[in-house]
Protein backbone atom coordinates (compact mmCIF):
# COMPACT_ATOMS: atom_id res chain seq x y z
CA UNK A 1 177.64 34.48 -74.78
CA UNK A 2 173.77 34.66 -74.32
CA UNK A 3 171.62 32.93 -76.22
CA UNK A 4 168.95 36.01 -76.05
CA UNK A 5 169.99 39.26 -74.60
CA UNK A 6 168.38 39.83 -71.16
CA UNK A 7 166.44 42.60 -72.46
CA UNK A 8 164.53 40.19 -74.99
CA UNK A 9 164.24 37.30 -72.26
CA UNK A 10 162.48 39.87 -69.97
CA UNK A 11 159.59 40.92 -72.35
CA UNK A 12 156.15 38.91 -72.71
CA UNK A 13 156.17 35.42 -72.94
CA UNK A 14 153.97 35.76 -76.04
CA UNK A 15 156.07 37.43 -77.58
CA UNK A 16 159.01 34.40 -77.35
CA UNK A 17 156.84 31.40 -77.92
CA UNK A 18 154.33 30.39 -79.70
CA UNK A 19 152.29 27.07 -79.56
CA UNK A 20 153.87 24.33 -78.85
CA UNK A 21 157.84 25.97 -78.36
CA UNK A 22 158.64 25.43 -74.58
CA UNK A 23 161.15 27.22 -72.40
CA UNK A 24 161.75 26.98 -68.87
CA UNK A 25 160.06 29.65 -66.64
CA UNK A 26 160.13 30.29 -62.67
CA UNK A 27 156.90 31.06 -60.99
CA UNK A 28 157.18 32.51 -57.44
CA UNK A 29 154.79 32.49 -53.85
CA UNK A 30 154.18 28.41 -54.58
CA UNK A 31 152.88 26.69 -51.90
CA UNK A 32 152.55 22.88 -51.74
CA UNK A 33 148.88 23.05 -52.31
CA UNK A 34 149.48 25.57 -55.66
CA UNK A 35 152.25 22.80 -56.66
CA UNK A 36 149.41 20.33 -56.63
CA UNK A 37 146.95 22.34 -58.21
CA UNK A 38 149.27 23.10 -61.45
CA UNK A 39 150.57 19.29 -61.64
CA UNK A 40 146.28 18.80 -61.90
CA UNK A 41 146.47 21.61 -64.81
CA UNK A 42 148.60 19.49 -66.85
CA UNK A 43 151.53 21.52 -65.78
CA UNK A 44 155.39 19.48 -66.99
CA UNK A 45 157.19 21.03 -63.40
CA UNK A 46 160.74 20.75 -63.61
CA UNK A 47 162.59 22.06 -60.23
CA UNK A 48 159.90 22.84 -57.06
CA UNK A 49 162.14 24.88 -54.08
CA UNK A 50 162.10 27.72 -51.49
CA UNK A 51 158.39 28.91 -52.76
CA UNK A 52 159.79 28.86 -56.30
CA UNK A 53 158.69 26.22 -59.65
CA UNK A 54 160.04 26.31 -62.54
CA UNK A 55 158.02 25.05 -65.52
CA UNK A 56 158.34 23.74 -68.74
CA UNK A 57 156.37 25.77 -70.74
CA UNK A 58 155.30 27.06 -74.52
CA UNK A 59 152.80 30.47 -74.77
CA UNK A 60 149.54 28.55 -73.76
CA UNK A 61 151.21 27.68 -70.24
CA UNK A 62 152.14 30.53 -69.87
CA UNK A 63 149.69 32.75 -70.36
CA UNK A 64 147.30 30.05 -67.94
CA UNK A 65 150.16 30.68 -65.40
CA UNK A 66 148.93 34.36 -66.14
CA UNK A 67 145.41 33.92 -65.63
CA UNK A 68 146.10 31.81 -62.46
CA UNK A 69 147.96 35.01 -60.22
CA UNK A 70 151.66 33.76 -61.59
CA UNK A 71 154.14 35.57 -63.34
CA UNK A 72 156.21 33.57 -65.24
CA UNK A 73 159.77 34.63 -65.50
CA UNK A 74 162.31 32.63 -67.79
CA UNK A 75 165.05 31.08 -66.65
CA UNK A 76 168.05 32.76 -67.70
CA UNK A 77 170.69 29.40 -67.42
CA UNK A 78 168.48 27.60 -70.03
CA UNK A 79 169.77 30.27 -72.78
CA UNK A 80 172.96 29.86 -72.45
CA UNK A 81 174.62 28.48 -75.33
CA UNK A 82 177.51 26.68 -74.28
CA UNK A 83 179.92 25.02 -76.66
CA UNK A 84 178.58 21.41 -76.45
CA UNK A 85 179.04 18.43 -78.63
CA UNK A 86 177.18 17.58 -81.34
CA UNK A 87 174.86 14.78 -80.89
CA UNK A 88 177.10 13.04 -84.10
CA UNK A 89 180.00 13.84 -81.69
CA UNK A 90 178.93 12.18 -79.24
CA UNK A 91 177.97 9.14 -81.11
CA UNK A 92 181.46 9.20 -82.88
CA UNK A 93 183.16 9.32 -79.48
CA UNK A 94 181.21 6.17 -78.12
CA UNK A 95 182.50 4.38 -81.29
CA UNK A 96 185.61 5.48 -80.68
CA UNK A 97 186.07 4.19 -76.67
CA UNK A 98 184.76 0.88 -77.78
CA UNK A 99 187.08 0.76 -80.72
CA UNK A 100 190.41 1.78 -77.72
CA UNK A 101 189.09 -0.92 -75.74
CA UNK A 102 187.09 -3.89 -78.01
CA UNK A 103 188.04 -6.68 -75.53
CA UNK A 104 185.71 -4.52 -72.57
CA UNK A 105 183.25 -2.42 -74.56
CA UNK A 106 180.42 -3.43 -76.84
CA UNK A 107 178.96 -0.42 -78.71
CA UNK A 108 174.18 -1.32 -78.10
CA UNK A 109 171.79 -0.12 -80.81
CA UNK A 110 168.94 -0.34 -78.19
CA UNK A 111 166.42 1.43 -80.41
CA UNK A 112 165.24 4.24 -82.57
CA UNK A 113 164.00 7.82 -81.25
CA UNK A 114 160.64 9.42 -82.28
CA UNK A 115 162.90 10.79 -85.23
CA UNK A 116 164.35 8.03 -86.13
CA UNK A 117 167.96 8.64 -84.58
CA UNK A 118 169.20 5.88 -83.01
CA UNK A 119 169.71 5.37 -78.92
CA UNK A 120 173.30 4.10 -78.03
CA UNK A 121 174.41 2.26 -75.43
CA UNK A 122 177.72 1.06 -74.49
CA UNK A 123 178.38 -2.28 -72.46
CA UNK A 124 181.29 -2.18 -70.53
CA UNK A 125 182.63 -6.01 -68.94
CA UNK A 126 185.61 -7.73 -68.21
CA UNK A 127 184.33 -10.72 -70.76
CA UNK A 128 182.24 -8.35 -73.32
CA UNK A 129 181.09 -10.98 -75.70
CA UNK A 130 179.73 -13.64 -73.11
CA UNK A 131 177.35 -13.24 -70.45
CA UNK A 132 178.15 -14.04 -66.96
CA UNK A 133 177.34 -14.40 -63.37
CA UNK A 134 177.83 -10.82 -62.10
CA UNK A 135 175.94 -7.48 -61.10
CA UNK A 136 174.35 -5.84 -64.27
CA UNK A 137 174.35 -1.80 -63.77
CA UNK A 138 173.21 0.78 -65.28
CA UNK A 139 173.83 5.09 -66.12
CA UNK A 140 171.47 7.24 -68.28
CA UNK A 141 171.66 11.12 -68.82
CA UNK A 142 170.08 12.95 -70.99
CA UNK A 143 166.40 11.80 -70.67
CA UNK A 144 165.60 15.38 -71.12
CA UNK A 145 167.69 16.73 -74.69
CA UNK A 146 167.97 20.01 -72.75
CA UNK A 147 169.91 18.85 -70.36
CA UNK A 148 173.33 18.68 -71.71
CA UNK A 149 175.21 18.61 -68.66
CA UNK A 150 173.95 15.09 -67.86
CA UNK A 151 174.92 13.63 -71.07
CA UNK A 152 178.90 14.85 -70.25
CA UNK A 153 178.79 14.08 -66.85
CA UNK A 154 177.91 9.98 -68.21
CA UNK A 155 180.07 10.06 -70.34
CA UNK A 156 183.37 11.41 -69.05
CA UNK A 157 182.33 8.06 -66.60
CA UNK A 158 181.84 5.98 -69.59
CA UNK A 159 185.60 7.41 -70.93
CA UNK A 160 187.07 7.27 -67.18
CA UNK A 161 185.69 3.47 -66.34
CA UNK A 162 186.88 1.89 -69.94
CA UNK A 163 190.59 3.99 -70.20
CA UNK A 164 191.95 3.21 -66.60
CA UNK A 165 190.55 -0.15 -66.11
CA UNK A 166 193.87 -1.71 -66.42
CA UNK A 167 195.73 1.13 -64.01
CA UNK A 168 192.94 2.27 -61.47
CA UNK A 169 191.79 -0.16 -58.72
CA UNK A 170 188.55 0.82 -58.79
CA UNK A 171 187.65 1.46 -62.66
CA UNK A 172 189.20 -2.56 -62.76
CA UNK A 173 187.38 -3.82 -59.70
CA UNK A 174 183.94 -2.74 -62.01
CA UNK A 175 184.64 -4.17 -64.95
CA UNK A 176 185.80 -7.49 -63.55
CA UNK A 177 182.95 -7.58 -61.39
CA UNK A 178 180.35 -6.07 -62.95
CA UNK A 179 178.31 -5.49 -66.32
CA UNK A 180 178.10 -1.40 -66.70
CA UNK A 181 174.95 -0.46 -69.43
CA UNK A 182 176.01 3.36 -70.14
CA UNK A 183 173.41 5.25 -72.02
CA UNK A 184 174.50 8.63 -72.61
CA UNK A 185 171.65 10.48 -74.68
CA UNK A 186 168.63 8.44 -74.40
CA UNK A 187 166.33 11.24 -76.34
CA UNK A 188 168.01 12.50 -79.09
CA UNK A 189 165.23 14.72 -80.65
CA UNK A 190 165.65 16.27 -77.82
CA UNK A 191 168.96 16.88 -77.68
CA UNK A 192 169.43 17.86 -81.33
CA UNK A 193 165.85 20.22 -80.58
CA UNK A 194 167.26 21.64 -77.65
CA UNK A 195 164.07 20.84 -75.52
CA UNK A 196 162.90 18.78 -72.82
CA UNK A 197 160.40 16.67 -75.00
CA UNK A 198 161.14 13.53 -77.62
CA UNK A 199 160.55 14.68 -80.79
CA UNK A 200 156.78 13.75 -79.68
CA UNK A 201 156.24 16.35 -77.41
CA UNK A 202 156.04 13.72 -74.10
CA UNK A 203 157.67 13.79 -71.34
CA UNK A 204 160.00 10.46 -71.32
CA UNK A 205 160.67 10.95 -67.85
CA UNK A 206 156.96 10.34 -67.24
CA UNK A 207 156.24 7.96 -69.78
CA UNK A 208 157.00 4.61 -67.98
CA UNK A 209 154.42 2.69 -66.13
CA UNK A 210 154.82 2.91 -62.59
CA UNK A 211 151.97 4.76 -60.87
CA UNK A 212 151.61 6.47 -64.56
CA UNK A 213 149.09 9.26 -65.23
CA UNK A 214 147.24 11.05 -68.28
CA UNK A 215 147.89 15.03 -68.84
CA UNK A 216 150.91 17.68 -69.33
CA UNK A 217 153.15 15.74 -71.76
CA UNK A 218 152.89 12.25 -70.00
CA UNK A 219 152.10 10.79 -73.35
CA UNK A 220 149.12 8.56 -74.66
CA UNK A 221 149.88 5.42 -72.15
CA UNK A 222 152.55 4.13 -70.67
CA UNK A 223 155.70 3.14 -72.96
CA UNK A 224 153.72 4.69 -75.38
CA UNK A 225 157.23 6.13 -76.41
CA UNK A 226 160.00 4.56 -78.16
CA UNK A 227 162.89 5.79 -76.28
CA UNK A 228 161.11 4.73 -73.13
CA UNK A 229 160.56 1.21 -74.76
CA UNK A 230 164.17 0.76 -75.75
CA UNK A 231 164.68 1.16 -72.32
CA UNK A 232 162.33 -1.15 -71.20
CA UNK A 233 162.88 -3.93 -73.30
CA UNK A 234 166.78 -4.00 -72.59
CA UNK A 235 165.46 -4.88 -69.38
CA UNK A 236 162.85 -7.03 -69.83
CA UNK A 237 161.27 -8.90 -72.69
CA UNK A 238 157.39 -9.83 -70.75
CA UNK A 239 155.14 -6.30 -70.07
CA UNK A 240 153.13 -6.21 -68.33
CA UNK A 241 153.32 -9.83 -67.14
CA UNK A 242 156.73 -8.28 -65.81
CA UNK A 243 158.80 -11.46 -66.25
CA UNK A 244 162.14 -12.52 -68.85
CA UNK A 245 164.53 -9.94 -67.25
CA UNK A 246 167.54 -10.34 -69.58
CA UNK A 247 168.56 -7.11 -67.62
CA UNK A 248 167.48 -6.53 -63.91
CA UNK A 249 169.73 -3.80 -63.19
CA UNK A 250 170.14 -3.96 -59.57
CA UNK A 251 172.22 -0.28 -59.39
CA UNK A 252 171.76 2.71 -61.73
CA UNK A 253 171.92 6.16 -61.95
CA UNK A 254 169.63 8.55 -63.89
CA UNK A 255 171.35 11.82 -64.79
CA UNK A 256 169.37 15.37 -65.12
CA UNK A 257 170.10 18.33 -64.42
CA UNK A 258 168.60 22.05 -63.33
CA UNK A 259 169.09 21.34 -59.66
CA UNK A 260 172.68 20.03 -57.76
CA UNK A 261 171.25 16.90 -55.82
CA UNK A 262 170.76 13.43 -55.01
CA UNK A 263 166.96 12.14 -55.53
CA UNK A 264 165.86 9.00 -54.38
CA UNK A 265 162.61 7.02 -54.43
CA UNK A 266 159.77 7.09 -54.13
CA UNK A 267 159.05 10.05 -56.34
CA UNK A 268 155.00 9.32 -56.77
CA UNK A 269 154.51 8.90 -52.71
CA UNK A 270 155.38 9.25 -49.26
CA UNK A 271 154.61 5.67 -48.56
CA UNK A 272 157.46 3.55 -47.16
CA UNK A 273 160.48 3.08 -49.11
CA UNK A 274 161.75 -0.98 -47.93
CA UNK A 275 165.51 -0.39 -48.23
CA UNK A 276 166.08 3.46 -46.21
CA UNK A 277 168.66 3.10 -44.54
CA UNK A 278 170.72 1.28 -47.66
CA UNK A 279 169.30 4.32 -49.89
CA UNK A 280 170.01 7.04 -47.47
CA UNK A 281 173.85 5.84 -47.08
CA UNK A 282 173.90 5.71 -50.97
CA UNK A 283 172.71 9.17 -51.16
CA UNK A 284 174.87 10.51 -47.98
CA UNK A 285 177.95 8.55 -49.99
CA UNK A 286 177.46 10.49 -53.22
CA UNK A 287 176.84 13.81 -51.53
CA UNK A 288 180.08 13.59 -49.61
CA UNK A 289 182.20 12.83 -52.74
CA UNK A 290 180.39 14.74 -54.97
CA UNK A 291 182.30 18.03 -55.42
CA UNK A 292 179.80 20.47 -56.79
CA UNK A 293 178.53 23.09 -54.39
CA UNK A 294 176.08 23.56 -52.43
CA UNK A 295 174.59 19.40 -53.57
CA UNK A 296 172.05 18.41 -51.68
CA UNK A 297 169.77 14.93 -50.37
CA UNK A 298 166.06 15.08 -50.75
CA UNK A 299 163.31 12.18 -51.10
CA UNK A 300 161.74 12.75 -54.42
CA UNK A 301 158.32 13.16 -53.12
CA UNK A 302 159.62 15.28 -50.93
CA UNK A 303 160.85 17.72 -53.08
CA UNK A 304 157.61 17.43 -55.67
CA UNK A 305 155.44 14.58 -56.30
CA UNK A 306 155.99 13.04 -60.03
CA UNK A 307 154.76 9.44 -61.62
CA UNK A 308 155.69 7.30 -64.19
CA UNK A 309 159.75 8.50 -63.86
CA UNK A 310 162.44 5.81 -64.39
CA UNK A 311 163.14 5.75 -60.83
CA UNK A 312 160.20 4.51 -59.40
CA UNK A 313 159.98 2.04 -62.28
CA UNK A 314 163.09 0.27 -61.86
CA UNK A 315 162.47 0.19 -58.23
CA UNK A 316 158.55 -0.65 -58.38
CA UNK A 317 158.49 -3.12 -61.14
CA UNK A 318 161.33 -5.07 -60.69
CA UNK A 319 163.17 -3.63 -57.59
CA UNK A 320 166.54 -1.87 -59.02
CA UNK A 321 167.74 0.79 -57.14
CA UNK A 322 167.84 4.21 -59.44
CA UNK A 323 168.65 7.51 -58.33
CA UNK A 324 168.37 10.52 -59.71
CA UNK A 325 171.13 13.22 -59.84
CA UNK A 326 170.65 16.55 -61.17
CA UNK A 327 174.27 17.31 -62.04
CA UNK A 328 174.20 21.01 -61.71
CA UNK A 329 171.58 23.78 -61.51
CA UNK A 330 172.47 25.30 -65.06
CA UNK A 331 170.85 22.36 -67.64
CA UNK A 332 173.57 23.67 -69.61
CA UNK A 333 176.58 24.47 -67.12
CA UNK A 334 179.38 26.15 -69.32
CA UNK A 335 182.56 24.25 -67.91
CA UNK A 336 181.16 20.82 -68.15
CA UNK A 337 184.60 19.16 -68.41
CA UNK A 338 184.94 20.22 -64.78
CA UNK A 339 181.50 19.48 -63.59
CA UNK A 340 182.38 15.76 -65.24
CA UNK A 341 185.18 15.94 -63.22
CA UNK A 342 183.36 16.69 -60.09
CA UNK A 343 180.50 13.87 -60.08
CA UNK A 344 183.42 11.22 -61.47
CA UNK A 345 184.87 10.06 -58.43
CA UNK A 346 181.24 9.80 -56.45
CA UNK A 347 179.74 8.07 -59.34
CA UNK A 348 182.46 5.11 -58.88
CA UNK A 349 182.28 4.96 -55.46
CA UNK A 350 178.76 4.55 -55.84
CA UNK A 351 178.72 1.47 -58.25
CA UNK A 352 181.60 0.00 -56.07
CA UNK A 353 179.84 -0.13 -52.80
CA UNK A 354 176.49 -1.73 -55.24
CA UNK A 355 178.72 -4.85 -55.73
CA UNK A 356 177.91 -5.94 -52.00
CA UNK A 357 175.30 -7.59 -50.53
CA UNK A 358 174.22 -11.11 -51.48
CA UNK A 359 174.49 -12.82 -55.22
CA UNK A 360 173.78 -15.77 -56.67
CA UNK A 361 171.75 -17.86 -59.09
CA UNK A 362 168.29 -20.09 -59.45
CA UNK A 363 168.13 -23.23 -61.40
CA UNK A 364 166.68 -26.16 -61.77
CA UNK A 365 168.30 -29.68 -61.51
CA UNK A 366 168.69 -29.95 -64.78
CA UNK A 367 170.64 -26.38 -65.11
CA UNK A 368 169.10 -24.79 -66.92
CA UNK A 369 168.74 -20.96 -64.91
CA UNK A 370 164.64 -20.24 -63.89
CA UNK A 371 162.32 -16.51 -63.51
CA UNK A 372 162.87 -16.24 -60.17
CA UNK A 373 161.63 -13.64 -56.96
CA UNK A 374 164.20 -12.94 -54.74
CA UNK A 375 163.04 -11.69 -50.89
CA UNK A 376 165.76 -10.98 -48.67
CA UNK A 377 164.97 -10.19 -45.45
CA UNK A 378 167.05 -8.45 -42.97
CA UNK A 379 166.61 -9.53 -38.94
CA UNK A 380 167.28 -8.09 -35.71
CA UNK A 381 166.66 -9.90 -33.14
CA UNK A 382 163.08 -11.12 -33.07
CA UNK A 383 161.52 -8.74 -35.58
CA UNK A 384 162.33 -8.38 -39.51
CA UNK A 385 162.40 -6.08 -42.00
CA UNK A 386 162.16 -7.12 -45.51
CA UNK A 387 163.93 -5.20 -48.37
CA UNK A 388 162.59 -4.61 -51.87
CA UNK A 389 162.18 -8.04 -53.71
CA UNK A 390 164.93 -8.44 -57.17
CA UNK A 391 164.43 -10.85 -60.10
CA UNK A 392 166.51 -12.79 -61.54
CA UNK A 393 168.16 -12.38 -65.04
CA UNK A 394 166.80 -15.08 -67.62
CA UNK A 395 169.91 -15.81 -69.22
CA UNK A 396 171.67 -16.80 -66.49
CA UNK A 397 169.60 -17.57 -63.84
CA UNK A 398 171.66 -14.61 -61.44
CA UNK A 399 170.85 -11.86 -59.35
CA UNK A 400 172.29 -8.78 -57.14
CA UNK A 401 171.14 -7.47 -54.22
CA UNK A 402 173.28 -4.54 -53.33
CA UNK A 403 172.78 -4.78 -48.98
CA UNK A 404 174.21 -2.84 -45.50
CA UNK A 405 175.99 -5.41 -43.24
CA UNK A 406 173.43 -7.73 -41.18
CA UNK A 407 171.56 -11.05 -40.61
CA UNK A 408 169.60 -11.66 -43.38
CA UNK A 409 166.94 -14.47 -45.03
CA UNK A 410 166.72 -15.08 -48.38
CA UNK A 411 164.11 -16.46 -49.76
CA UNK A 412 163.38 -17.34 -53.80
CA UNK A 413 160.09 -17.94 -55.43
CA UNK A 414 159.85 -19.63 -58.85
CA UNK A 415 156.40 -19.93 -60.45
CA UNK A 416 155.13 -23.48 -59.92
CA UNK A 417 157.61 -24.29 -56.85
CA UNK A 418 157.47 -24.11 -53.31
CA UNK A 419 159.34 -21.13 -52.47
CA UNK A 420 162.67 -21.38 -50.80
CA UNK A 421 164.67 -19.75 -47.78
CA UNK A 422 168.06 -19.41 -46.65
CA UNK A 423 167.83 -18.04 -43.12
CA UNK A 424 170.25 -16.13 -40.65
CA UNK A 425 172.89 -15.87 -43.31
CA UNK A 426 175.89 -13.17 -42.27
CA UNK A 427 176.98 -10.00 -44.37
CA UNK A 428 180.06 -8.03 -43.34
CA UNK A 429 181.32 -5.01 -44.36
CA UNK A 430 182.74 -4.73 -48.25
CA UNK A 431 181.47 -8.35 -48.76
CA UNK A 432 179.59 -10.37 -51.50
CA UNK A 433 177.90 -13.04 -50.11
CA UNK A 434 176.09 -16.14 -52.21
CA UNK A 435 173.37 -17.60 -51.63
CA UNK A 436 172.13 -19.64 -54.86
CA UNK A 437 169.24 -21.71 -54.99
CA UNK A 438 167.98 -25.63 -57.29
CA UNK A 439 164.55 -26.40 -58.10
CA UNK A 440 163.54 -29.91 -58.45
CA UNK A 441 161.02 -30.10 -61.48
CA UNK A 442 159.41 -33.17 -59.42
CA UNK A 443 158.17 -30.64 -57.10
CA UNK A 444 156.15 -28.42 -59.97
CA UNK A 445 152.91 -27.08 -58.43
CA UNK A 446 149.67 -25.73 -60.24
CA UNK A 447 149.20 -25.87 -63.81
CA UNK A 448 150.94 -28.57 -65.20
CA UNK A 449 150.79 -31.88 -63.56
CA UNK A 450 153.37 -34.54 -63.57
CA UNK A 451 156.85 -33.93 -64.23
CA UNK A 452 158.09 -30.95 -66.78
CA UNK A 453 160.74 -33.01 -69.10
CA UNK A 454 164.37 -31.64 -69.42
CA UNK A 455 164.56 -28.38 -71.71
CA UNK A 456 166.45 -29.43 -74.21
CA UNK A 457 168.00 -28.15 -77.92
CA UNK A 458 170.29 -30.09 -80.12
CA UNK A 459 171.58 -28.81 -83.61
CA UNK A 460 171.85 -31.37 -86.63
CA UNK A 461 174.59 -31.58 -89.12
CA UNK A 462 175.95 -28.79 -87.50
CA UNK A 463 178.83 -26.76 -88.66
CA UNK A 464 176.43 -26.29 -91.72
CA UNK A 465 176.48 -24.62 -95.14
CA UNK A 466 172.86 -24.23 -96.27
CA UNK A 467 170.61 -25.03 -93.44
CA UNK A 468 170.62 -26.48 -89.95
CA UNK A 469 168.05 -28.10 -87.74
CA UNK A 470 167.10 -27.30 -84.47
CA UNK A 471 165.56 -29.81 -82.37
CA UNK A 472 163.47 -28.12 -79.86
CA UNK A 473 162.53 -30.13 -76.73
CA UNK A 474 159.75 -28.03 -74.46
CA UNK A 475 157.06 -28.53 -71.89
CA UNK A 476 155.48 -25.60 -72.12
CA UNK A 477 155.51 -22.88 -75.63
CA UNK A 478 158.31 -21.23 -75.96
CA UNK A 479 160.57 -19.28 -78.59
CA UNK A 480 163.87 -19.95 -80.55
CA UNK A 481 166.00 -17.15 -80.81
CA UNK A 482 169.39 -17.14 -83.18
CA UNK A 483 171.63 -14.85 -82.52
CA UNK A 484 175.11 -13.51 -83.83
CA UNK A 485 178.33 -12.79 -82.48
CA UNK A 486 177.65 -9.48 -81.47
CA UNK A 487 174.01 -10.41 -79.57
CA UNK A 488 172.04 -8.82 -81.94
CA UNK A 489 168.82 -11.80 -82.70
CA UNK A 490 168.88 -12.28 -85.94
CA UNK A 491 166.05 -15.02 -86.14
CA UNK A 492 163.49 -16.28 -84.16
CA UNK A 493 160.30 -18.69 -84.16
CA UNK A 494 157.73 -19.77 -81.59
CA UNK A 495 157.75 -23.29 -80.27
CA UNK A 496 154.71 -25.23 -79.45
CA UNK A 497 154.60 -27.09 -76.48
CA UNK A 498 156.56 -30.26 -76.17
CA UNK A 499 158.82 -28.71 -79.25
CA UNK A 500 159.84 -28.40 -82.37
CA UNK A 501 162.27 -29.05 -85.50
CA UNK A 502 163.04 -25.62 -87.14
CA UNK A 503 165.02 -25.38 -90.16
CA UNK A 504 167.43 -22.40 -90.25
CA UNK A 505 168.46 -21.69 -93.79
CA UNK A 506 171.02 -19.00 -92.62
CA UNK A 507 169.36 -16.27 -93.17
CA UNK A 508 167.48 -13.16 -91.37
CA UNK A 509 163.72 -12.97 -91.50
CA UNK A 510 163.64 -10.77 -94.14
CA UNK A 511 165.69 -13.33 -96.13
CA UNK A 512 169.00 -11.44 -96.44
CA UNK A 513 171.71 -13.94 -96.24
CA UNK A 514 173.97 -14.16 -93.50
CA UNK A 515 178.13 -14.56 -93.13
CA UNK A 516 179.83 -17.22 -92.35
CA UNK A 517 181.07 -17.30 -88.66
CA UNK A 518 179.42 -18.65 -85.47
CA UNK A 519 176.01 -17.87 -83.69
CA UNK A 520 174.29 -18.77 -80.56
CA UNK A 521 170.91 -20.37 -80.25
CA UNK A 522 168.84 -19.89 -77.47
CA UNK A 523 165.56 -21.78 -76.44
CA UNK A 524 163.52 -20.67 -73.65
CA UNK A 525 159.91 -22.08 -72.77
CA UNK A 526 159.36 -19.84 -68.86
CA UNK A 527 161.14 -23.27 -67.22
CA UNK A 528 164.46 -22.36 -67.89
CA UNK A 529 166.99 -21.45 -70.59
CA UNK A 530 169.05 -23.56 -73.09
CA UNK A 531 172.00 -22.61 -75.92
CA UNK A 532 173.44 -24.00 -78.61
CA UNK A 533 176.57 -22.91 -80.53
CA UNK A 534 176.16 -22.72 -84.65
CA UNK A 535 178.79 -22.55 -87.35
CA UNK A 536 177.91 -21.52 -90.48
CA UNK A 537 181.05 -22.32 -93.21
CA UNK A 538 179.70 -20.85 -96.75
């Protein structure tokens, strides 16, 4: 049924909404120059096509549009009240999926919204309790809370991936080969209030750091909002230094609603995209498999320019390929089960194909993982074409980079060492080729003289009851973190250069006693990571 009668829907904008109450409106006869002027005035553009722009506006915004000579017309599709699951129902579904498949699924609370609501991710992998050398994928949706159809597409993908891991060769391959993070509702406040914005009236998909700009509802600064910080913090630990990547997702999808298209980088500029051939191939494959009528493909900036979005941040700051999928013209399409099915095979195919390319590890001669930048260059005779860099996961020192068949050079760069290159590596169709690197600490340059002493971590009196002493040896300033068996941090301490002995009395930092069980202590100082297994017996 219609949320508002059509007669009311076409009444004046002021009568329908007050300051701070937003809705989507269309304006017509909008030139590209007009669109730029609207963005400069701080209007939040949702879509632009065929000289029509959809704008997320409150009453004051609509009056400003009228003063500029435009007639705001409410988007009727946004007033359709379909039967969508509540936030609680979605979260219950996530818990049920994990309970059905505890061997391959893990529920992660990655942070809280501005309004204090938890943000959940489900991680899917074959050995869910341990970190492995494997590509990491990400799927997010409902970063705009009123785009509820996107959340259903993500939830359907997650459920089918987990349920079919033993029966579908494609699902089994993804589960065994990769680690996939699915975040169905990144903006729980907006999902509950049926708003594009979070609880702080910020457009989260304009709040990330890559070419962030002030204005509109873009936030007080990059990552000003807890939701975008949650996304950042599961990816990297040190920002703005852009180091310490724990999950440098090599291939991701960001699902939206309000159009039916595949949008790829760049969104901020017409600057050249290093991975154009690969990205266009991905886009065309998705469009061929997607069953939504009228689905089309565009480069972001050619559609309309935005800044501070998830796609550009992923690709710009750590080289992760990230695409926007606009799942349907209607943000809250009524037949969302059919819509979810129309996208399922295209999503599955994307993640399978994203495993093909290069992978490897970067370690020092002691076997410790290193924080490295990987540059892959495609060779064509005497010419070469560099692809976008990617980063290693500091937990295992591994990286993954999707690539098309061809001949490549692979270079690893680590701070304090001379770069290393493996040349003329052949990559065939549907292949995963390993190129790994070992850096000798004897070759340390700049900032440190001599040889870095081996990073080490040992535990005295382990298993323990009351307390355990952790002997940490480092070359640089480091950090010791203790995790429970679910992967949650329960204790952390800074370690000075040279090392220290740290006593852990089996409690969290606020003094809460931890139960008997297995814990993992992890020490890092920038040159690598070492771990120790702790057993508490009360």
